[in-house]
mmCIF file of all heavy atoms, coordinates in Angstrom:
data_MODEL
# 
_entry.id   MODEL 
# 
loop_
_atom_site.group_PDB 
_atom_site.id 
_atom_site.type_symbol 
_atom_site.label_atom_id 
_atom_site.label_alt_id 
_atom_site.label_comp_id 
_atom_site.label_asym_id 
_atom_site.label_entity_id 
_atom_site.label_seq_id 
_atom_site.pdbx_PDB_ins_code 
_atom_site.Cartn_x 
_atom_site.Cartn_y 
_atom_site.Cartn_z 
_atom_site.occupancy 
_atom_site.B_iso_or_equiv 
_atom_site.pdbx_formal_charge 
_atom_site.auth_seq_id 
_atom_site.auth_comp_id 
_atom_site.auth_asym_id 
_atom_site.auth_atom_id 
_atom_site.pdbx_PDB_model_num 
ATOM 1   N N   . SER A 1 1  ? 3.523   -12.172 0.875  1.00 0.00 ? 1  SER A N   1 
ATOM 2   C CA  . SER A 1 1  ? 2.788   -11.717 1.960  1.00 0.00 ? 1  SER A CA  1 
ATOM 3   C C   . SER A 1 1  ? 2.769   -10.232 2.006  1.00 0.00 ? 1  SER A C   1 
ATOM 4   O O   . SER A 1 1  ? 1.663   -9.650  2.137  1.00 0.00 ? 1  SER A O   1 
ATOM 5   C CB  . SER A 1 1  ? 3.092   -12.351 3.174  1.00 0.00 ? 1  SER A CB  1 
ATOM 6   O OG  . SER A 1 1  ? 2.314   -11.942 4.291  1.00 0.00 ? 1  SER A OG  1 
ATOM 7   N N   . HIS A 1 2  ? 3.997   -9.515  2.008  1.00 0.00 ? 2  HIS A N   1 
ATOM 8   C CA  . HIS A 1 2  ? 4.054   -8.221  2.357  1.00 0.00 ? 2  HIS A CA  1 
ATOM 9   C C   . HIS A 1 2  ? 3.410   -7.320  1.092  1.00 0.00 ? 2  HIS A C   1 
ATOM 10  O O   . HIS A 1 2  ? 2.852   -6.238  1.259  1.00 0.00 ? 2  HIS A O   1 
ATOM 11  C CB  . HIS A 1 2  ? 5.391   -7.756  2.642  1.00 0.00 ? 2  HIS A CB  1 
ATOM 12  C CG  . HIS A 1 2  ? 5.972   -8.112  3.917  1.00 0.00 ? 2  HIS A CG  1 
ATOM 13  N ND1 . HIS A 1 2  ? 6.550   -9.221  4.206  1.00 0.00 ? 2  HIS A ND1 1 
ATOM 14  C CD2 . HIS A 1 2  ? 5.763   -7.461  5.094  1.00 0.00 ? 2  HIS A CD2 1 
ATOM 15  C CE1 . HIS A 1 2  ? 6.760   -9.369  5.549  1.00 0.00 ? 2  HIS A CE1 1 
ATOM 16  N NE2 . HIS A 1 2  ? 6.323   -8.260  6.112  1.00 0.00 ? 2  HIS A NE2 1 
ATOM 17  N N   . MET A 1 3  ? 3.576   -7.865  -0.245 1.00 0.00 ? 3  MET A N   1 
ATOM 18  C CA  . MET A 1 3  ? 2.933   -7.092  -1.261 1.00 0.00 ? 3  MET A CA  1 
ATOM 19  C C   . MET A 1 3  ? 1.444   -7.270  -1.224 1.00 0.00 ? 3  MET A C   1 
ATOM 20  O O   . MET A 1 3  ? 0.825   -6.425  -1.938 1.00 0.00 ? 3  MET A O   1 
ATOM 21  C CB  . MET A 1 3  ? 3.497   -7.700  -2.532 1.00 0.00 ? 3  MET A CB  1 
ATOM 22  C CG  . MET A 1 3  ? 5.031   -7.424  -2.868 1.00 0.00 ? 3  MET A CG  1 
ATOM 23  S SD  . MET A 1 3  ? 5.343   -5.649  -2.708 1.00 0.00 ? 3  MET A SD  1 
ATOM 24  C CE  . MET A 1 3  ? 4.600   -5.170  -4.165 1.00 0.00 ? 3  MET A CE  1 
ATOM 25  N N   . GLY A 1 4  ? 0.833   -8.126  -0.354 1.00 0.00 ? 4  GLY A N   1 
ATOM 26  C CA  . GLY A 1 4  ? -0.592  -8.119  -0.225 1.00 0.00 ? 4  GLY A CA  1 
ATOM 27  C C   . GLY A 1 4  ? -1.042  -6.844  0.413  1.00 0.00 ? 4  GLY A C   1 
ATOM 28  O O   . GLY A 1 4  ? -2.192  -6.422  0.170  1.00 0.00 ? 4  GLY A O   1 
ATOM 29  N N   . PHE A 1 5  ? -0.181  -6.302  1.323  1.00 0.00 ? 5  PHE A N   1 
ATOM 30  C CA  . PHE A 1 5  ? -0.560  -4.905  1.871  1.00 0.00 ? 5  PHE A CA  1 
ATOM 31  C C   . PHE A 1 5  ? -0.684  -3.826  0.921  1.00 0.00 ? 5  PHE A C   1 
ATOM 32  O O   . PHE A 1 5  ? -1.446  -2.837  0.977  1.00 0.00 ? 5  PHE A O   1 
ATOM 33  C CB  . PHE A 1 5  ? 0.381   -4.585  2.919  1.00 0.00 ? 5  PHE A CB  1 
ATOM 34  C CG  . PHE A 1 5  ? 0.380   -5.352  4.162  1.00 0.00 ? 5  PHE A CG  1 
ATOM 35  C CD1 . PHE A 1 5  ? 1.109   -6.434  4.453  1.00 0.00 ? 5  PHE A CD1 1 
ATOM 36  C CD2 . PHE A 1 5  ? -0.595  -4.973  5.132  1.00 0.00 ? 5  PHE A CD2 1 
ATOM 37  C CE1 . PHE A 1 5  ? 0.935   -7.136  5.624  1.00 0.00 ? 5  PHE A CE1 1 
ATOM 38  C CE2 . PHE A 1 5  ? -0.803  -5.635  6.282  1.00 0.00 ? 5  PHE A CE2 1 
ATOM 39  C CZ  . PHE A 1 5  ? -0.055  -6.812  6.573  1.00 0.00 ? 5  PHE A CZ  1 
ATOM 40  N N   . VAL A 1 6  ? 0.162   -3.924  -0.289 1.00 0.00 ? 6  VAL A N   1 
ATOM 41  C CA  . VAL A 1 6  ? -0.053  -3.042  -1.301 1.00 0.00 ? 6  VAL A CA  1 
ATOM 42  C C   . VAL A 1 6  ? -1.438  -3.136  -1.980 1.00 0.00 ? 6  VAL A C   1 
ATOM 43  O O   . VAL A 1 6  ? -2.031  -2.073  -2.289 1.00 0.00 ? 6  VAL A O   1 
ATOM 44  C CB  . VAL A 1 6  ? 0.989   -3.237  -2.411 1.00 0.00 ? 6  VAL A CB  1 
ATOM 45  C CG1 . VAL A 1 6  ? 0.861   -2.237  -3.590 1.00 0.00 ? 6  VAL A CG1 1 
ATOM 46  C CG2 . VAL A 1 6  ? 2.395   -2.968  -1.675 1.00 0.00 ? 6  VAL A CG2 1 
ATOM 47  N N   . LEU A 1 7  ? -1.800  -4.318  -2.208 1.00 0.00 ? 7  LEU A N   1 
ATOM 48  C CA  . LEU A 1 7  ? -3.210  -4.477  -2.739 1.00 0.00 ? 7  LEU A CA  1 
ATOM 49  C C   . LEU A 1 7  ? -4.227  -4.009  -1.830 1.00 0.00 ? 7  LEU A C   1 
ATOM 50  O O   . LEU A 1 7  ? -5.231  -3.431  -2.173 1.00 0.00 ? 7  LEU A O   1 
ATOM 51  C CB  . LEU A 1 7  ? -3.469  -5.999  -2.986 1.00 0.00 ? 7  LEU A CB  1 
ATOM 52  C CG  . LEU A 1 7  ? -2.759  -6.682  -4.147 1.00 0.00 ? 7  LEU A CG  1 
ATOM 53  C CD1 . LEU A 1 7  ? -2.899  -8.201  -4.123 1.00 0.00 ? 7  LEU A CD1 1 
ATOM 54  C CD2 . LEU A 1 7  ? -3.346  -6.107  -5.493 1.00 0.00 ? 7  LEU A CD2 1 
ATOM 55  N N   . LEU A 1 8  ? -4.101  -4.169  -0.493 1.00 0.00 ? 8  LEU A N   1 
ATOM 56  C CA  . LEU A 1 8  ? -4.995  -3.668  0.428  1.00 0.00 ? 8  LEU A CA  1 
ATOM 57  C C   . LEU A 1 8  ? -5.123  -2.084  0.409  1.00 0.00 ? 8  LEU A C   1 
ATOM 58  O O   . LEU A 1 8  ? -6.180  -1.585  0.353  1.00 0.00 ? 8  LEU A O   1 
ATOM 59  C CB  . LEU A 1 8  ? -4.599  -4.035  1.942  1.00 0.00 ? 8  LEU A CB  1 
ATOM 60  C CG  . LEU A 1 8  ? -4.855  -5.366  2.395  1.00 0.00 ? 8  LEU A CG  1 
ATOM 61  C CD1 . LEU A 1 8  ? -4.491  -5.422  3.834  1.00 0.00 ? 8  LEU A CD1 1 
ATOM 62  C CD2 . LEU A 1 8  ? -6.278  -5.686  2.307  1.00 0.00 ? 8  LEU A CD2 1 
ATOM 63  N N   . GLY A 1 9  ? -3.856  -1.446  0.325  1.00 0.00 ? 9  GLY A N   1 
ATOM 64  C CA  . GLY A 1 9  ? -3.905  -0.123  0.167  1.00 0.00 ? 9  GLY A CA  1 
ATOM 65  C C   . GLY A 1 9  ? -4.530  0.453   -0.988 1.00 0.00 ? 9  GLY A C   1 
ATOM 66  O O   . GLY A 1 9  ? -5.250  1.527   -1.060 1.00 0.00 ? 9  GLY A O   1 
ATOM 67  N N   . ILE A 1 10 ? -4.282  -0.160  -2.169 1.00 0.00 ? 10 ILE A N   1 
ATOM 68  C CA  . ILE A 1 10 ? -4.787  0.251   -3.458 1.00 0.00 ? 10 ILE A CA  1 
ATOM 69  C C   . ILE A 1 10 ? -6.430  0.056   -3.481 1.00 0.00 ? 10 ILE A C   1 
ATOM 70  O O   . ILE A 1 10 ? -7.141  0.856   -3.997 1.00 0.00 ? 10 ILE A O   1 
ATOM 71  C CB  . ILE A 1 10 ? -4.108  -0.555  -4.604 1.00 0.00 ? 10 ILE A CB  1 
ATOM 72  C CG1 . ILE A 1 10 ? -2.693  -0.169  -4.710 1.00 0.00 ? 10 ILE A CG1 1 
ATOM 73  C CG2 . ILE A 1 10 ? -4.878  -0.063  -5.931 1.00 0.00 ? 10 ILE A CG2 1 
ATOM 74  C CD1 . ILE A 1 10 ? -1.999  -0.888  -5.681 1.00 0.00 ? 10 ILE A CD1 1 
ATOM 75  N N   . GLY A 1 11 ? -6.745  -0.973  -2.909 1.00 0.00 ? 11 GLY A N   1 
ATOM 76  C CA  . GLY A 1 11 ? -8.240  -1.294  -2.942 1.00 0.00 ? 11 GLY A CA  1 
ATOM 77  C C   . GLY A 1 11 ? -9.036  -0.380  -1.849 1.00 0.00 ? 11 GLY A C   1 
ATOM 78  O O   . GLY A 1 11 ? -10.269 -0.347  -2.138 1.00 0.00 ? 11 GLY A O   1 
ATOM 79  N N   . ALA A 1 12 ? -8.378  0.108   -0.917 1.00 0.00 ? 12 ALA A N   1 
ATOM 80  C CA  . ALA A 1 12 ? -9.114  0.969   0.112  1.00 0.00 ? 12 ALA A CA  1 
ATOM 81  C C   . ALA A 1 12 ? -9.440  2.359   -0.393 1.00 0.00 ? 12 ALA A C   1 
ATOM 82  O O   . ALA A 1 12 ? -10.397 3.057   0.137  1.00 0.00 ? 12 ALA A O   1 
ATOM 83  C CB  . ALA A 1 12 ? -8.304  1.056   1.413  1.00 0.00 ? 12 ALA A CB  1 
ATOM 84  N N   . VAL A 1 13 ? -8.975  2.736   -1.533 1.00 0.00 ? 13 VAL A N   1 
ATOM 85  C CA  . VAL A 1 13 ? -9.379  3.859   -2.357 1.00 0.00 ? 13 VAL A CA  1 
ATOM 86  C C   . VAL A 1 13 ? -9.392  5.238   -1.665 1.00 0.00 ? 13 VAL A C   1 
ATOM 87  O O   . VAL A 1 13 ? -10.140 6.163   -2.198 1.00 0.00 ? 13 VAL A O   1 
ATOM 88  C CB  . VAL A 1 13 ? -10.768 3.518   -3.121 1.00 0.00 ? 13 VAL A CB  1 
ATOM 89  C CG1 . VAL A 1 13 ? -10.716 2.432   -3.957 1.00 0.00 ? 13 VAL A CG1 1 
ATOM 90  C CG2 . VAL A 1 13 ? -11.986 3.523   -2.144 1.00 0.00 ? 13 VAL A CG2 1 
ATOM 91  N N   . ASP A 1 14 ? -8.788  5.427   -0.567 1.00 0.00 ? 14 ASP A N   1 
ATOM 92  C CA  . ASP A 1 14 ? -8.729  6.671   -0.023 1.00 0.00 ? 14 ASP A CA  1 
ATOM 93  C C   . ASP A 1 14 ? -7.331  7.323   0.099  1.00 0.00 ? 14 ASP A C   1 
ATOM 94  O O   . ASP A 1 14 ? -6.246  6.488   -0.185 1.00 0.00 ? 14 ASP A O   1 
ATOM 95  C CB  . ASP A 1 14 ? -9.457  6.819   1.368  1.00 0.00 ? 14 ASP A CB  1 
ATOM 96  C CG  . ASP A 1 14 ? -8.640  6.093   2.450  1.00 0.00 ? 14 ASP A CG  1 
ATOM 97  O OD1 . ASP A 1 14 ? -7.749  5.388   2.164  1.00 0.00 ? 14 ASP A OD1 1 
ATOM 98  O OD2 . ASP A 1 14 ? -9.091  6.116   3.659  1.00 0.00 ? 14 ASP A OD2 1 
ATOM 99  N N   . ALA A 1 15 ? -7.161  8.480   0.397  1.00 0.00 ? 15 ALA A N   1 
ATOM 100 C CA  . ALA A 1 15 ? -5.766  9.114   0.143  1.00 0.00 ? 15 ALA A CA  1 
ATOM 101 C C   . ALA A 1 15 ? -4.869  8.482   1.185  1.00 0.00 ? 15 ALA A C   1 
ATOM 102 O O   . ALA A 1 15 ? -3.697  8.302   0.908  1.00 0.00 ? 15 ALA A O   1 
ATOM 103 C CB  . ALA A 1 15 ? -5.757  10.613  0.545  1.00 0.00 ? 15 ALA A CB  1 
ATOM 104 N N   . LEU A 1 16 ? -5.265  8.143   2.387  1.00 0.00 ? 16 LEU A N   1 
ATOM 105 C CA  . LEU A 1 16 ? -4.377  7.641   3.437  1.00 0.00 ? 16 LEU A CA  1 
ATOM 106 C C   . LEU A 1 16 ? -3.889  6.270   3.037  1.00 0.00 ? 16 LEU A C   1 
ATOM 107 O O   . LEU A 1 16 ? -2.732  5.910   3.165  1.00 0.00 ? 16 LEU A O   1 
ATOM 108 C CB  . LEU A 1 16 ? -5.123  7.507   4.847  1.00 0.00 ? 16 LEU A CB  1 
ATOM 109 C CG  . LEU A 1 16 ? -4.249  7.171   5.964  1.00 0.00 ? 16 LEU A CG  1 
ATOM 110 C CD1 . LEU A 1 16 ? -3.129  8.192   6.272  1.00 0.00 ? 16 LEU A CD1 1 
ATOM 111 C CD2 . LEU A 1 16 ? -5.172  7.188   7.286  1.00 0.00 ? 16 LEU A CD2 1 
ATOM 112 N N   . SER A 1 17 ? -4.769  5.428   2.396  1.00 0.00 ? 17 SER A N   1 
ATOM 113 C CA  . SER A 1 17 ? -4.442  4.012   2.037  1.00 0.00 ? 17 SER A CA  1 
ATOM 114 C C   . SER A 1 17 ? -3.582  3.995   0.837  1.00 0.00 ? 17 SER A C   1 
ATOM 115 O O   . SER A 1 17 ? -2.622  3.207   0.765  1.00 0.00 ? 17 SER A O   1 
ATOM 116 C CB  . SER A 1 17 ? -5.657  3.189   1.928  1.00 0.00 ? 17 SER A CB  1 
ATOM 117 O OG  . SER A 1 17 ? -6.391  3.598   0.760  1.00 0.00 ? 17 SER A OG  1 
ATOM 118 N N   . LEU A 1 18 ? -3.797  4.955   -0.007 1.00 0.00 ? 18 LEU A N   1 
ATOM 119 C CA  . LEU A 1 18 ? -2.948  4.955   -1.203 1.00 0.00 ? 18 LEU A CA  1 
ATOM 120 C C   . LEU A 1 18 ? -1.597  5.424   -0.912 1.00 0.00 ? 18 LEU A C   1 
ATOM 121 O O   . LEU A 1 18 ? -0.583  4.939   -1.285 1.00 0.00 ? 18 LEU A O   1 
ATOM 122 C CB  . LEU A 1 18 ? -3.526  5.895   -2.226 1.00 0.00 ? 18 LEU A CB  1 
ATOM 123 C CG  . LEU A 1 18 ? -4.838  5.538   -2.943 1.00 0.00 ? 18 LEU A CG  1 
ATOM 124 C CD1 . LEU A 1 18 ? -5.414  6.545   -3.764 1.00 0.00 ? 18 LEU A CD1 1 
ATOM 125 C CD2 . LEU A 1 18 ? -4.667  4.239   -3.794 1.00 0.00 ? 18 LEU A CD2 1 
ATOM 126 N N   . SER A 1 19 ? -1.485  6.307   0.103  1.00 0.00 ? 19 SER A N   1 
ATOM 127 C CA  . SER A 1 19 ? -0.165  6.813   0.699  1.00 0.00 ? 19 SER A CA  1 
ATOM 128 C C   . SER A 1 19 ? 0.498   5.650   1.308  1.00 0.00 ? 19 SER A C   1 
ATOM 129 O O   . SER A 1 19 ? 1.744   5.383   1.092  1.00 0.00 ? 19 SER A O   1 
ATOM 130 C CB  . SER A 1 19 ? -0.354  7.999   1.626  1.00 0.00 ? 19 SER A CB  1 
ATOM 131 O OG  . SER A 1 19 ? 0.864   8.330   2.223  1.00 0.00 ? 19 SER A OG  1 
ATOM 132 N N   . GLY A 1 20 ? -0.232  4.771   2.092  1.00 0.00 ? 20 GLY A N   1 
ATOM 133 C CA  . GLY A 1 20 ? 0.408   3.630   2.626  1.00 0.00 ? 20 GLY A CA  1 
ATOM 134 C C   . GLY A 1 20 ? 0.879   2.646   1.689  1.00 0.00 ? 20 GLY A C   1 
ATOM 135 O O   . GLY A 1 20 ? 1.984   1.951   1.900  1.00 0.00 ? 20 GLY A O   1 
ATOM 136 N N   . ALA A 1 21 ? 0.196   2.498   0.571  1.00 0.00 ? 21 ALA A N   1 
ATOM 137 C CA  . ALA A 1 21 ? 0.483   1.496   -0.405 1.00 0.00 ? 21 ALA A CA  1 
ATOM 138 C C   . ALA A 1 21 ? 1.954   1.994   -1.140 1.00 0.00 ? 21 ALA A C   1 
ATOM 139 O O   . ALA A 1 21 ? 2.824   1.089   -1.267 1.00 0.00 ? 21 ALA A O   1 
ATOM 140 C CB  . ALA A 1 21 ? -0.516  1.371   -1.553 1.00 0.00 ? 21 ALA A CB  1 
ATOM 141 N N   . MET A 1 22 ? 1.991   3.252   -1.342 1.00 0.00 ? 22 MET A N   1 
ATOM 142 C CA  . MET A 1 22 ? 3.229   3.772   -1.888 1.00 0.00 ? 22 MET A CA  1 
ATOM 143 C C   . MET A 1 22 ? 4.406   3.534   -0.868 1.00 0.00 ? 22 MET A C   1 
ATOM 144 O O   . MET A 1 22 ? 5.455   3.106   -1.312 1.00 0.00 ? 22 MET A O   1 
ATOM 145 C CB  . MET A 1 22 ? 3.066   5.346   -2.265 1.00 0.00 ? 22 MET A CB  1 
ATOM 146 C CG  . MET A 1 22 ? 2.486   5.635   -3.518 1.00 0.00 ? 22 MET A CG  1 
ATOM 147 S SD  . MET A 1 22 ? 3.405   4.909   -4.939 1.00 0.00 ? 22 MET A SD  1 
ATOM 148 C CE  . MET A 1 22 ? 5.005   5.889   -4.797 1.00 0.00 ? 22 MET A CE  1 
ATOM 149 N N   . LEU A 1 23 ? 4.097   3.942   0.310  1.00 0.00 ? 23 LEU A N   1 
ATOM 150 C CA  . LEU A 1 23 ? 5.219   3.753   1.365  1.00 0.00 ? 23 LEU A CA  1 
ATOM 151 C C   . LEU A 1 23 ? 5.591   2.264   1.600  1.00 0.00 ? 23 LEU A C   1 
ATOM 152 O O   . LEU A 1 23 ? 6.758   1.966   1.831  1.00 0.00 ? 23 LEU A O   1 
ATOM 153 C CB  . LEU A 1 23 ? 4.737   4.326   2.646  1.00 0.00 ? 23 LEU A CB  1 
ATOM 154 C CG  . LEU A 1 23 ? 5.737   4.495   3.758  1.00 0.00 ? 23 LEU A CG  1 
ATOM 155 C CD1 . LEU A 1 23 ? 6.887   5.415   3.307  1.00 0.00 ? 23 LEU A CD1 1 
ATOM 156 C CD2 . LEU A 1 23 ? 5.187   5.051   5.035  1.00 0.00 ? 23 LEU A CD2 1 
ATOM 157 N N   . GLN A 1 24 ? 4.595   1.341   1.433  1.00 0.00 ? 24 GLN A N   1 
ATOM 158 C CA  . GLN A 1 24 ? 4.894   -0.030  1.538  1.00 0.00 ? 24 GLN A CA  1 
ATOM 159 C C   . GLN A 1 24 ? 5.862   -0.545  0.482  1.00 0.00 ? 24 GLN A C   1 
ATOM 160 O O   . GLN A 1 24 ? 6.652   -1.214  0.639  1.00 0.00 ? 24 GLN A O   1 
ATOM 161 C CB  . GLN A 1 24 ? 3.594   -0.883  1.629  1.00 0.00 ? 24 GLN A CB  1 
ATOM 162 C CG  . GLN A 1 24 ? 3.824   -2.406  1.621  1.00 0.00 ? 24 GLN A CG  1 
ATOM 163 C CD  . GLN A 1 24 ? 4.312   -2.905  2.908  1.00 0.00 ? 24 GLN A CD  1 
ATOM 164 O OE1 . GLN A 1 24 ? 4.718   -2.154  3.853  1.00 0.00 ? 24 GLN A OE1 1 
ATOM 165 N NE2 . GLN A 1 24 ? 4.297   -4.117  3.056  1.00 0.00 ? 24 GLN A NE2 1 
ATOM 166 N N   . MET A 1 25 ? 5.608   -0.006  -0.783 1.00 0.00 ? 25 MET A N   1 
ATOM 167 C CA  . MET A 1 25 ? 6.410   -0.384  -1.947 1.00 0.00 ? 25 MET A CA  1 
ATOM 168 C C   . MET A 1 25 ? 7.870   0.131   -1.691 1.00 0.00 ? 25 MET A C   1 
ATOM 169 O O   . MET A 1 25 ? 8.828   -0.641  -1.891 1.00 0.00 ? 25 MET A O   1 
ATOM 170 C CB  . MET A 1 25 ? 5.882   0.152   -3.165 1.00 0.00 ? 25 MET A CB  1 
ATOM 171 C CG  . MET A 1 25 ? 4.672   -0.584  -3.753 1.00 0.00 ? 25 MET A CG  1 
ATOM 172 S SD  . MET A 1 25 ? 4.236   -0.232  -5.536 1.00 0.00 ? 25 MET A SD  1 
ATOM 173 C CE  . MET A 1 25 ? 3.440   1.364   -5.193 1.00 0.00 ? 25 MET A CE  1 
ATOM 174 N N   . ILE A 1 26 ? 8.022   1.420   -1.234 1.00 0.00 ? 26 ILE A N   1 
ATOM 175 C CA  . ILE A 1 26 ? 9.372   1.890   -0.973 1.00 0.00 ? 26 ILE A CA  1 
ATOM 176 C C   . ILE A 1 26 ? 10.065  1.162   0.266  1.00 0.00 ? 26 ILE A C   1 
ATOM 177 O O   . ILE A 1 26 ? 11.210  0.638   0.101  1.00 0.00 ? 26 ILE A O   1 
ATOM 178 C CB  . ILE A 1 26 ? 9.231   3.322   -0.605 1.00 0.00 ? 26 ILE A CB  1 
ATOM 179 C CG1 . ILE A 1 26 ? 8.662   4.097   -1.804 1.00 0.00 ? 26 ILE A CG1 1 
ATOM 180 C CG2 . ILE A 1 26 ? 10.598  3.880   -0.158 1.00 0.00 ? 26 ILE A CG2 1 
ATOM 181 C CD1 . ILE A 1 26 ? 8.274   5.556   -1.500 1.00 0.00 ? 26 ILE A CD1 1 
ATOM 182 N N   . SER A 1 27 ? 9.193   0.862   1.264  1.00 0.00 ? 27 SER A N   1 
ATOM 183 C CA  . SER A 1 27 ? 9.775   0.259   2.458  1.00 0.00 ? 27 SER A CA  1 
ATOM 184 C C   . SER A 1 27 ? 10.193  -1.315  2.126  1.00 0.00 ? 27 SER A C   1 
ATOM 185 O O   . SER A 1 27 ? 11.335  -1.657  2.443  1.00 0.00 ? 27 SER A O   1 
ATOM 186 C CB  . SER A 1 27 ? 8.692   0.186   3.608  1.00 0.00 ? 27 SER A CB  1 
ATOM 187 O OG  . SER A 1 27 ? 9.001   -0.643  4.660  1.00 0.00 ? 27 SER A OG  1 
ATOM 188 N N   . HIS A 1 28 ? 9.351   -1.930  1.539  1.00 0.00 ? 28 HIS A N   1 
ATOM 189 C CA  . HIS A 1 28 ? 9.662   -3.432  1.179  1.00 0.00 ? 28 HIS A CA  1 
ATOM 190 C C   . HIS A 1 28 ? 10.757  -3.487  0.161  1.00 0.00 ? 28 HIS A C   1 
ATOM 191 O O   . HIS A 1 28 ? 11.464  -4.503  0.315  1.00 0.00 ? 28 HIS A O   1 
ATOM 192 C CB  . HIS A 1 28 ? 8.400   -4.050  0.440  1.00 0.00 ? 28 HIS A CB  1 
ATOM 193 C CG  . HIS A 1 28 ? 8.538   -5.514  0.240  1.00 0.00 ? 28 HIS A CG  1 
ATOM 194 N ND1 . HIS A 1 28 ? 8.992   -5.990  -1.052 1.00 0.00 ? 28 HIS A ND1 1 
ATOM 195 C CD2 . HIS A 1 28 ? 8.484   -6.556  0.967  1.00 0.00 ? 28 HIS A CD2 1 
ATOM 196 C CE1 . HIS A 1 28 ? 9.077   -7.231  -1.093 1.00 0.00 ? 28 HIS A CE1 1 
ATOM 197 N NE2 . HIS A 1 28 ? 8.812   -7.668  0.152  1.00 0.00 ? 28 HIS A NE2 1 
ATOM 198 N N   . GLY A 1 29 ? 10.954  -2.527  -0.713 1.00 0.00 ? 29 GLY A N   1 
ATOM 199 C CA  . GLY A 1 29 ? 12.032  -2.583  -1.652 1.00 0.00 ? 29 GLY A CA  1 
ATOM 200 C C   . GLY A 1 29 ? 13.404  -2.479  -0.986 1.00 0.00 ? 29 GLY A C   1 
ATOM 201 O O   . GLY A 1 29 ? 14.275  -3.249  -1.189 1.00 0.00 ? 29 GLY A O   1 
# 
């Protein structure tokens, strides 16, 4: 479920969402 947010961030294609995807990977790790 939580890695789905990484897909959301990558799919939103702007700087803020890509930053969120990276932070979600670090956070979830």
